[in-house]
Structure formats: C-alpha cells, structure tokens
C-alpha cells in the first residue's frame, strides 16, 4: 500500500509540473515575444566562472592521480603482467598528456573569446593544413596503440606453453578445487557424467594419465616457472580471477578454457614488499554466480621450487584417493 501511494504521489507531482510549464508557455505567448539581451558584463562573469571551474577541474584531476594513482594498476607479480602494465601506462600517459594540454586551452579560449558586442567571428570554410594535422596525428598515434595492444594480447594469450606445468582449476558453487597433472605433466580425461562419491571432478579412472593426478583444495605454484592453468565449471559460468597476478579467465560449463602465466614473486616476497605478514595470493570468482559468490575463493601460495616439490611429495595421487 505504501509503495502504491508513493507511485501515485510521484505521478501527481509530474502532472503538476507539466501543467506549470504549460501555464508559463501560455503566459509568454500572451505577453508577446520578449527579446532577452545579454550584456558584456554578464558574458564576462559567465566566461570567468567557466575558466575558474575548468581549471579547478583540471587541478582536481591532477590531485586525484597524486593521491590515488598508485591504486589504478599496481605492479604485477607475474611476467605477462609487466607487459600489460607497460601497455596501460603508455595509454594512460598519452591520454593525460593530451588532457592537460587540450582542457586548459578549451577553458581559456572559452573565456578569451566570450561574447562581446564588437567581436566578429572568423568565417572559414576550409583549411587543408589544419584538417591534415588533426586527422593524421590521431590516426598515427591510435594505429601505434592498436598495434602495441595486439602484440601485447598475442604475447599474453598465445604464449609458447611447451615447457609449462599443466594443472586444472575446477569451479562449482561455491568453491574451487585444484588438480595437478603429476609426474607425466598430463591431466587425465574428465567428464561431468563421471561425477559421483569422492570423484567430485568427474576424472576418468580408466585413463592412465589420471592415476598420478593430485587433487587439492589449495593452489601451490613454483616461482619463475610457467604454469598452464586449465579451467572447467560444473554448474554456471564462473570467472577465475587472481588480481595480483593479472590473471582472469571464464570457467564455462561444458568446455575447457586456459591461461598460461609465470609468477615472479613468492608469497613471502610480496609480504615483505607490502609490509603485511598476513598477505596471501587468492583466486576469486569475478562473476556474480549465486548467493554465496562473495565467499568463493581459494588460497594461492607461490614458493620456491624446492618448497613446491616438498609440498607435492606430501599429497596423495588420484589412485590413492579412489582406493581408500
């Protein structure tokens, strides 16, 4: 009832406003057309106000970058993240360079050429030189950015993974499970029809490659070694997201996706760098996948090769888990 009354009151208010506007229009017609004259003094104050607000806006942008610029895209803890950071910085510096030149000029010219009774506008139909300049320069710069972006995209998304360690991250509402390929560096086949009991990932028991697979609820990665991370989903579309590593890939039911990357900072190194002993890498879901989406995460530990091998030696393989 309360919502209905609110809607009715809003509609009545809108109708009343429309009627008031209509009354003013009729009153203007009855009085006849009135010429409104804007004085040079009014134009001066309007131009000055625009100049002050405009330069204030430019200064606020500069101050904002000084305060919060470091939060835009922090240093990445992965090798490909450095390339993305370079592309981002190049684009952002170029945008800011153009911004801090064009915007002050825009506001200054708005003030300088404000309306005056004795001013006469320059009527110019065509200028080949100007048109070539403002067309060719943006075209060359944007072409260079596009080529740079495509090169970065290809390096990040289509790298050589012949020597990469292969593993899988499996998504389901609302948790993640990791599966390592074991000594043969080959994941066993899996299918959702095989899910049952302790075989929550649907791994094919009859595939010989699955016997040494290792299933864990925590992700460990060796530093400075490339990993090819494959993704599957059991139910809805999830999005595997590791913000500190610059990794994000959708997990789609019925298909396998993948992302290759090389971590370059261990967890302990990041803790020292951030001066936070409680810091941990984390893999999150970046899709709104349901009511407990906010809680869908898995801990990621990046460590030395020796520490990684020691941890792996303590894990049971798939055959051992199934035979229990």
Protein backbone atom coordinates (compact mmCIF):
# COMPACT_ATOMS: atom_id res chain seq x y z
CA UNK A 1 0.00 0.00 0.00
CA UNK A 2 2.83 2.38 0.88
CA UNK A 3 4.54 1.75 -2.47
CA UNK A 4 1.28 2.39 -4.33
CA UNK A 5 0.81 5.73 -2.56
CA UNK A 6 4.39 6.71 -3.37
CA UNK A 7 3.82 5.96 -7.07
CA UNK A 8 0.54 7.94 -7.12
CA UNK A 9 2.12 10.95 -5.40
CA UNK A 10 5.04 10.86 -7.87
CA UNK A 11 2.66 10.76 -10.83
CA UNK A 12 0.62 13.68 -9.45
CA UNK A 13 3.81 15.67 -8.91
CA UNK A 14 4.88 15.08 -12.52
CA UNK A 15 1.43 16.07 -13.83
CA UNK A 16 1.50 19.24 -11.72
CA UNK A 17 4.97 20.14 -13.04
CA UNK A 18 3.85 19.64 -16.65
CA UNK A 19 0.84 21.86 -16.07
CA UNK A 20 3.00 24.61 -14.53
CA UNK A 21 5.32 24.56 -17.55
CA UNK A 22 2.27 24.78 -19.81
CA UNK A 23 0.96 27.80 -17.87
CA UNK A 24 4.30 29.62 -18.27
CA UNK A 25 4.29 28.88 -22.01
CA UNK A 26 0.76 30.32 -22.39
CA UNK A 27 1.67 33.39 -20.31
CA UNK A 28 4.72 34.02 -22.54
CA UNK A 29 2.58 33.83 -25.68
CA UNK A 30 0.02 36.27 -24.23
CA UNK A 31 2.75 38.78 -23.36
CA UNK A 32 4.25 38.51 -26.81
CA UNK A 33 7.81 37.65 -27.83
CA UNK A 34 10.28 39.32 -25.47
CA UNK A 35 13.82 39.94 -26.58
CA UNK A 36 16.37 38.90 -23.98
CA UNK A 37 19.57 40.92 -24.13
CA UNK A 38 22.79 39.54 -22.64
CA UNK A 39 25.27 42.25 -21.66
CA UNK A 40 29.07 42.12 -21.99
CA UNK A 41 29.28 42.17 -18.22
CA UNK A 42 27.18 39.00 -17.93
CA UNK A 43 29.28 37.30 -20.60
CA UNK A 44 32.43 38.30 -18.73
CA UNK A 45 31.23 36.78 -15.47
CA UNK A 46 30.00 33.61 -17.22
CA UNK A 47 33.32 33.21 -19.04
CA UNK A 48 35.27 33.86 -15.84
CA UNK A 49 33.17 31.32 -13.92
CA UNK A 50 33.78 28.71 -16.65
CA UNK A 51 37.53 29.46 -16.53
CA UNK A 52 37.68 29.03 -12.74
CA UNK A 53 35.58 25.85 -12.71
CA UNK A 54 37.50 24.41 -15.68
CA UNK A 55 40.94 24.98 -14.20
CA UNK A 56 39.64 23.73 -10.87
CA UNK A 57 38.56 20.53 -12.60
CA UNK A 58 41.99 20.09 -14.20
CA UNK A 59 43.73 20.64 -10.86
CA UNK A 60 41.38 18.16 -9.18
CA UNK A 61 42.26 15.50 -11.78
CA UNK A 62 45.97 16.08 -11.16
CA UNK A 63 45.45 15.93 -7.39
CA UNK A 64 43.39 12.73 -7.73
CA UNK A 65 46.21 10.99 -9.59
CA UNK A 66 48.68 12.10 -6.96
CA UNK A 67 46.52 10.65 -4.17
CA UNK A 68 45.10 7.51 -5.78
CA UNK A 69 47.12 6.93 -8.95
CA UNK A 70 49.03 4.04 -7.39
CA UNK A 71 45.73 2.14 -6.95
CA UNK A 72 44.83 2.09 -10.65
CA UNK A 73 47.04 -0.82 -11.73
CA UNK A 74 49.67 -1.87 -9.18
CA UNK A 75 52.86 -3.73 -10.05
CA UNK A 76 52.05 -7.25 -11.18
CA UNK A 77 53.51 -10.41 -9.64
CA UNK A 78 53.55 -12.22 -13.00
CA UNK A 79 55.71 -11.96 -16.10
CA UNK A 80 52.89 -11.14 -18.51
CA UNK A 81 51.53 -8.57 -16.03
CA UNK A 82 54.60 -6.43 -16.71
CA UNK A 83 53.64 -6.24 -20.40
CA UNK A 84 50.05 -5.33 -19.54
CA UNK A 85 51.30 -2.66 -17.12
CA UNK A 86 53.52 -1.18 -19.84
CA UNK A 87 50.58 -1.03 -22.27
CA UNK A 88 48.36 0.52 -19.60
CA UNK A 89 50.96 3.12 -18.58
CA UNK A 90 51.68 4.07 -22.20
CA UNK A 91 47.99 4.58 -22.94
CA UNK A 92 47.32 6.45 -19.70
CA UNK A 93 50.32 8.79 -20.03
CA UNK A 94 49.30 9.61 -23.60
CA UNK A 95 45.71 10.35 -22.55
CA UNK A 96 46.87 12.53 -19.66
CA UNK A 97 49.34 14.37 -21.89
CA UNK A 98 46.56 15.28 -24.33
CA UNK A 99 44.13 16.03 -21.48
CA UNK A 100 46.40 18.50 -19.69
CA UNK A 101 47.05 20.35 -22.95
CA UNK A 102 43.59 20.46 -24.51
CA UNK A 103 41.42 21.05 -21.43
CA UNK A 104 43.17 24.21 -20.13
CA UNK A 105 43.16 25.56 -23.71
CA UNK A 106 39.45 24.78 -24.03
CA UNK A 107 38.56 26.70 -20.88
CA UNK A 108 40.97 29.56 -21.68
CA UNK A 109 39.58 30.04 -25.19
CA UNK A 110 36.02 29.91 -23.82
CA UNK A 111 36.94 32.87 -21.63
CA UNK A 112 39.13 34.72 -24.12
CA UNK A 113 36.56 34.59 -26.91
CA UNK A 114 33.49 35.19 -24.74
CA UNK A 115 30.63 37.15 -26.24
CA UNK A 116 31.27 40.87 -26.87
CA UNK A 117 29.20 43.31 -28.89
CA UNK A 118 32.08 44.43 -31.09
CA UNK A 119 33.53 40.95 -31.68
CA UNK A 120 33.34 39.45 -35.15
CA UNK A 121 33.71 35.73 -35.71
CA UNK A 122 36.13 34.44 -38.34
CA UNK A 123 34.23 32.53 -41.00
CA UNK A 124 36.48 29.92 -42.57
CA UNK A 125 35.01 27.24 -44.82
CA UNK A 126 38.09 25.07 -45.32
CA UNK A 127 41.72 24.64 -44.26
CA UNK A 128 43.58 21.68 -45.72
CA UNK A 129 46.63 22.06 -43.49
CA UNK A 130 44.61 22.01 -40.25
CA UNK A 131 42.49 19.07 -41.38
CA UNK A 132 45.59 17.04 -42.30
CA UNK A 133 47.14 17.78 -38.90
CA UNK A 134 44.14 16.90 -36.72
CA UNK A 135 43.38 13.80 -38.82
CA UNK A 136 46.84 12.34 -39.41
CA UNK A 137 48.28 12.76 -35.90
CA UNK A 138 45.44 10.91 -34.08
CA UNK A 139 45.42 8.27 -36.85
CA UNK A 140 49.14 7.56 -36.47
CA UNK A 141 49.03 7.55 -32.66
CA UNK A 142 45.94 5.32 -32.46
CA UNK A 143 47.38 2.92 -35.06
CA UNK A 144 50.56 2.61 -32.99
CA UNK A 145 48.48 1.93 -29.84
CA UNK A 146 46.37 -0.69 -31.61
CA UNK A 147 49.48 -2.49 -32.94
CA UNK A 148 51.08 -2.31 -29.48
CA UNK A 149 47.88 -3.67 -27.91
CA UNK A 150 47.56 -6.55 -30.41
CA UNK A 151 51.19 -7.51 -29.88
CA UNK A 152 50.71 -7.49 -26.10
CA UNK A 153 47.47 -9.51 -26.44
CA UNK A 154 49.19 -12.16 -28.56
CA UNK A 155 52.13 -12.40 -26.16
CA UNK A 156 49.79 -12.80 -23.18
CA UNK A 157 47.07 -15.01 -24.66
CA UNK A 158 49.04 -17.15 -27.14
CA UNK A 159 52.39 -17.87 -25.48
CA UNK A 160 54.61 -20.88 -26.03
CA UNK A 161 53.48 -23.42 -23.40
CA UNK A 162 55.57 -26.40 -24.49
CA UNK A 163 57.51 -26.38 -21.20
CA UNK A 164 54.66 -25.23 -18.94
CA UNK A 165 53.48 -27.12 -15.88
CA UNK A 166 49.89 -28.23 -16.51
CA UNK A 167 47.17 -28.06 -13.86
CA UNK A 168 43.43 -27.55 -13.63
CA UNK A 169 41.14 -25.41 -11.51
CA UNK A 170 37.58 -26.71 -11.19
CA UNK A 171 34.73 -24.34 -10.33
CA UNK A 172 31.42 -25.13 -8.70
CA UNK A 173 29.02 -23.23 -6.49
CA UNK A 174 30.67 -22.09 -4.30
CA UNK A 175 34.25 -23.35 -4.15
CA UNK A 176 37.33 -24.16 -6.19
CA UNK A 177 39.31 -27.39 -6.48
CA UNK A 178 42.81 -27.72 -7.94
CA UNK A 179 44.07 -30.74 -9.90
CA UNK A 180 47.76 -31.18 -10.73
CA UNK A 181 48.93 -33.29 -13.65
CA UNK A 182 51.55 -35.22 -11.67
CA UNK A 183 54.89 -36.52 -12.94
CA UNK A 184 53.70 -37.09 -16.53
CA UNK A 185 52.55 -33.43 -16.74
CA UNK A 186 49.34 -34.63 -18.38
CA UNK A 187 45.88 -34.31 -16.92
CA UNK A 188 43.62 -37.31 -17.11
CA UNK A 189 40.35 -37.03 -19.02
CA UNK A 190 37.28 -35.88 -17.10
CA UNK A 191 33.57 -35.75 -17.77
CA UNK A 192 30.64 -34.48 -15.73
CA UNK A 193 28.84 -37.83 -16.17
CA UNK A 194 31.58 -39.48 -14.06
CA UNK A 195 30.97 -37.24 -11.04
CA UNK A 196 29.99 -39.29 -8.02
CA UNK A 197 31.12 -40.09 -4.49
CA UNK A 198 34.62 -38.80 -3.82
CA UNK A 199 35.20 -38.27 -7.55
CA UNK A 200 33.80 -34.75 -7.42
CA UNK A 201 35.67 -33.63 -10.56
CA UNK A 202 34.48 -36.44 -12.79
CA UNK A 203 38.00 -37.71 -13.51
CA UNK A 204 38.14 -40.80 -15.75
CA UNK A 205 39.54 -43.65 -13.65
CA UNK A 206 40.26 -45.70 -16.77
CA UNK A 207 42.53 -43.03 -18.27
CA UNK A 208 46.14 -43.94 -17.38
CA UNK A 209 47.10 -40.25 -17.33
CA UNK A 210 44.79 -39.66 -14.35
CA UNK A 211 46.49 -42.11 -11.99
CA UNK A 212 49.15 -39.63 -10.84
CA UNK A 213 46.87 -36.57 -10.84
CA UNK A 214 46.82 -34.75 -7.49
CA UNK A 215 43.64 -33.08 -6.21
CA UNK A 216 43.93 -30.34 -3.58
CA UNK A 217 41.91 -27.53 -2.02
CA UNK A 218 44.89 -25.17 -2.08
CA UNK A 219 46.96 -23.92 -5.03
CA UNK A 220 50.76 -24.05 -4.82
CA UNK A 221 52.89 -22.68 -7.67
CA UNK A 222 56.69 -22.57 -8.10
CA UNK A 223 58.08 -19.10 -8.71
CA UNK A 224 59.66 -18.23 -12.09
CA UNK A 225 58.13 -21.28 -13.78
CA UNK A 226 55.37 -21.13 -16.36
CA UNK A 227 52.07 -22.77 -15.47
CA UNK A 228 49.30 -23.63 -17.91
CA UNK A 229 46.14 -23.39 -15.83
CA UNK A 230 43.05 -25.03 -17.31
CA UNK A 231 39.54 -24.24 -16.11
CA UNK A 232 36.24 -26.14 -16.00
CA UNK A 233 32.89 -25.42 -14.36
CA UNK A 234 30.28 -27.83 -13.03
CA UNK A 235 27.23 -25.57 -12.93
CA UNK A 236 27.23 -21.92 -14.03
CA UNK A 237 29.73 -19.52 -15.60
CA UNK A 238 32.38 -18.55 -13.07
CA UNK A 239 35.40 -16.34 -13.64
CA UNK A 240 38.77 -17.31 -12.17
CA UNK A 241 40.48 -14.10 -11.08
CA UNK A 242 43.89 -13.63 -9.47
CA UNK A 243 44.23 -9.85 -9.18
CA UNK A 244 47.86 -9.72 -8.05
CA UNK A 245 48.93 -11.97 -10.91
CA UNK A 246 46.89 -10.27 -13.64
CA UNK A 247 45.03 -13.49 -14.44
CA UNK A 248 41.37 -13.78 -15.33
CA UNK A 249 39.56 -16.44 -17.35
CA UNK A 250 35.93 -17.52 -17.57
CA UNK A 251 35.04 -21.05 -16.47
CA UNK A 252 32.27 -22.26 -18.76
CA UNK A 253 30.18 -25.42 -18.23
CA UNK A 254 30.75 -27.97 -20.99
CA UNK A 255 34.09 -26.64 -22.18
CA UNK A 256 37.67 -26.13 -21.02
CA UNK A 257 39.44 -22.76 -21.05
CA UNK A 258 43.03 -21.98 -20.14
CA UNK A 259 45.51 -19.26 -19.23
CA UNK A 260 49.31 -19.50 -19.10
CA UNK A 261 51.40 -17.29 -16.83
CA UNK A 262 54.66 -17.16 -14.91
CA UNK A 263 54.63 -15.91 -11.29
CA UNK A 264 57.72 -13.87 -10.43
CA UNK A 265 57.17 -13.04 -6.74
CA UNK A 266 56.76 -15.55 -3.94
CA UNK A 267 54.22 -15.07 -1.19
CA UNK A 268 56.98 -14.21 1.28
CA UNK A 269 58.46 -11.63 -1.11
CA UNK A 270 55.06 -9.98 -1.54
CA UNK A 271 54.59 -9.89 2.22
CA UNK A 272 57.88 -8.04 2.59
CA UNK A 273 57.09 -5.71 -0.29
CA UNK A 274 53.64 -4.86 1.08
CA UNK A 275 54.86 -4.93 4.70
CA UNK A 276 51.96 -7.20 5.53
CA UNK A 277 52.74 -10.58 7.07
CA UNK A 278 49.12 -11.71 6.66
CA UNK A 279 49.06 -11.23 2.88
CA UNK A 280 48.14 -14.22 0.70
CA UNK A 281 47.54 -14.56 -3.01
CA UNK A 282 43.99 -15.59 -3.71
CA UNK A 283 41.91 -16.91 -6.60
CA UNK A 284 38.44 -15.36 -6.61
CA UNK A 285 35.30 -15.67 -8.69
CA UNK A 286 34.72 -12.48 -10.67
CA UNK A 287 31.24 -13.41 -11.86
CA UNK A 288 28.10 -12.99 -9.77
CA UNK A 289 27.47 -16.74 -9.69
CA UNK A 290 24.91 -17.02 -6.89
CA UNK A 291 24.05 -16.21 -3.29
CA UNK A 292 27.47 -17.21 -1.87
CA UNK A 293 29.53 -15.73 -4.70
CA UNK A 294 31.32 -13.38 -2.29
CA UNK A 295 32.78 -16.35 -0.41
CA UNK A 296 34.10 -18.26 -3.45
CA UNK A 297 37.88 -18.18 -3.16
CA UNK A 298 40.90 -20.45 -2.82
CA UNK A 299 44.29 -19.67 -1.33
CA UNK A 300 47.25 -19.45 -3.72
CA UNK A 301 50.79 -19.95 -2.44
CA UNK A 302 53.75 -19.04 -4.63
CA UNK A 303 57.01 -20.52 -3.33
CA UNK A 304 60.44 -21.70 -4.36
CA UNK A 305 60.78 -24.83 -6.49
CA UNK A 306 62.15 -26.80 -3.55
CA UNK A 307 59.26 -25.79 -1.28
CA UNK A 308 56.81 -26.67 -4.04
CA UNK A 309 58.33 -30.14 -4.55
CA UNK A 310 58.27 -30.80 -0.80
CA UNK A 311 54.58 -29.88 -0.67
CA UNK A 312 53.78 -32.04 -3.70
CA UNK A 313 55.54 -35.05 -2.13
CA UNK A 314 53.08 -34.87 0.79
CA UNK A 315 49.98 -35.05 -1.44
CA UNK A 316 48.12 -38.22 -2.37
CA UNK A 317 47.59 -39.01 -6.05
CA UNK A 318 44.21 -39.82 -7.61
CA UNK A 319 44.69 -43.59 -7.45
CA UNK A 320 45.36 -43.42 -3.72
CA UNK A 321 42.26 -41.29 -3.11
CA UNK A 322 40.00 -43.61 -5.10
CA UNK A 323 41.31 -46.79 -3.43
CA UNK A 324 40.55 -45.56 0.09
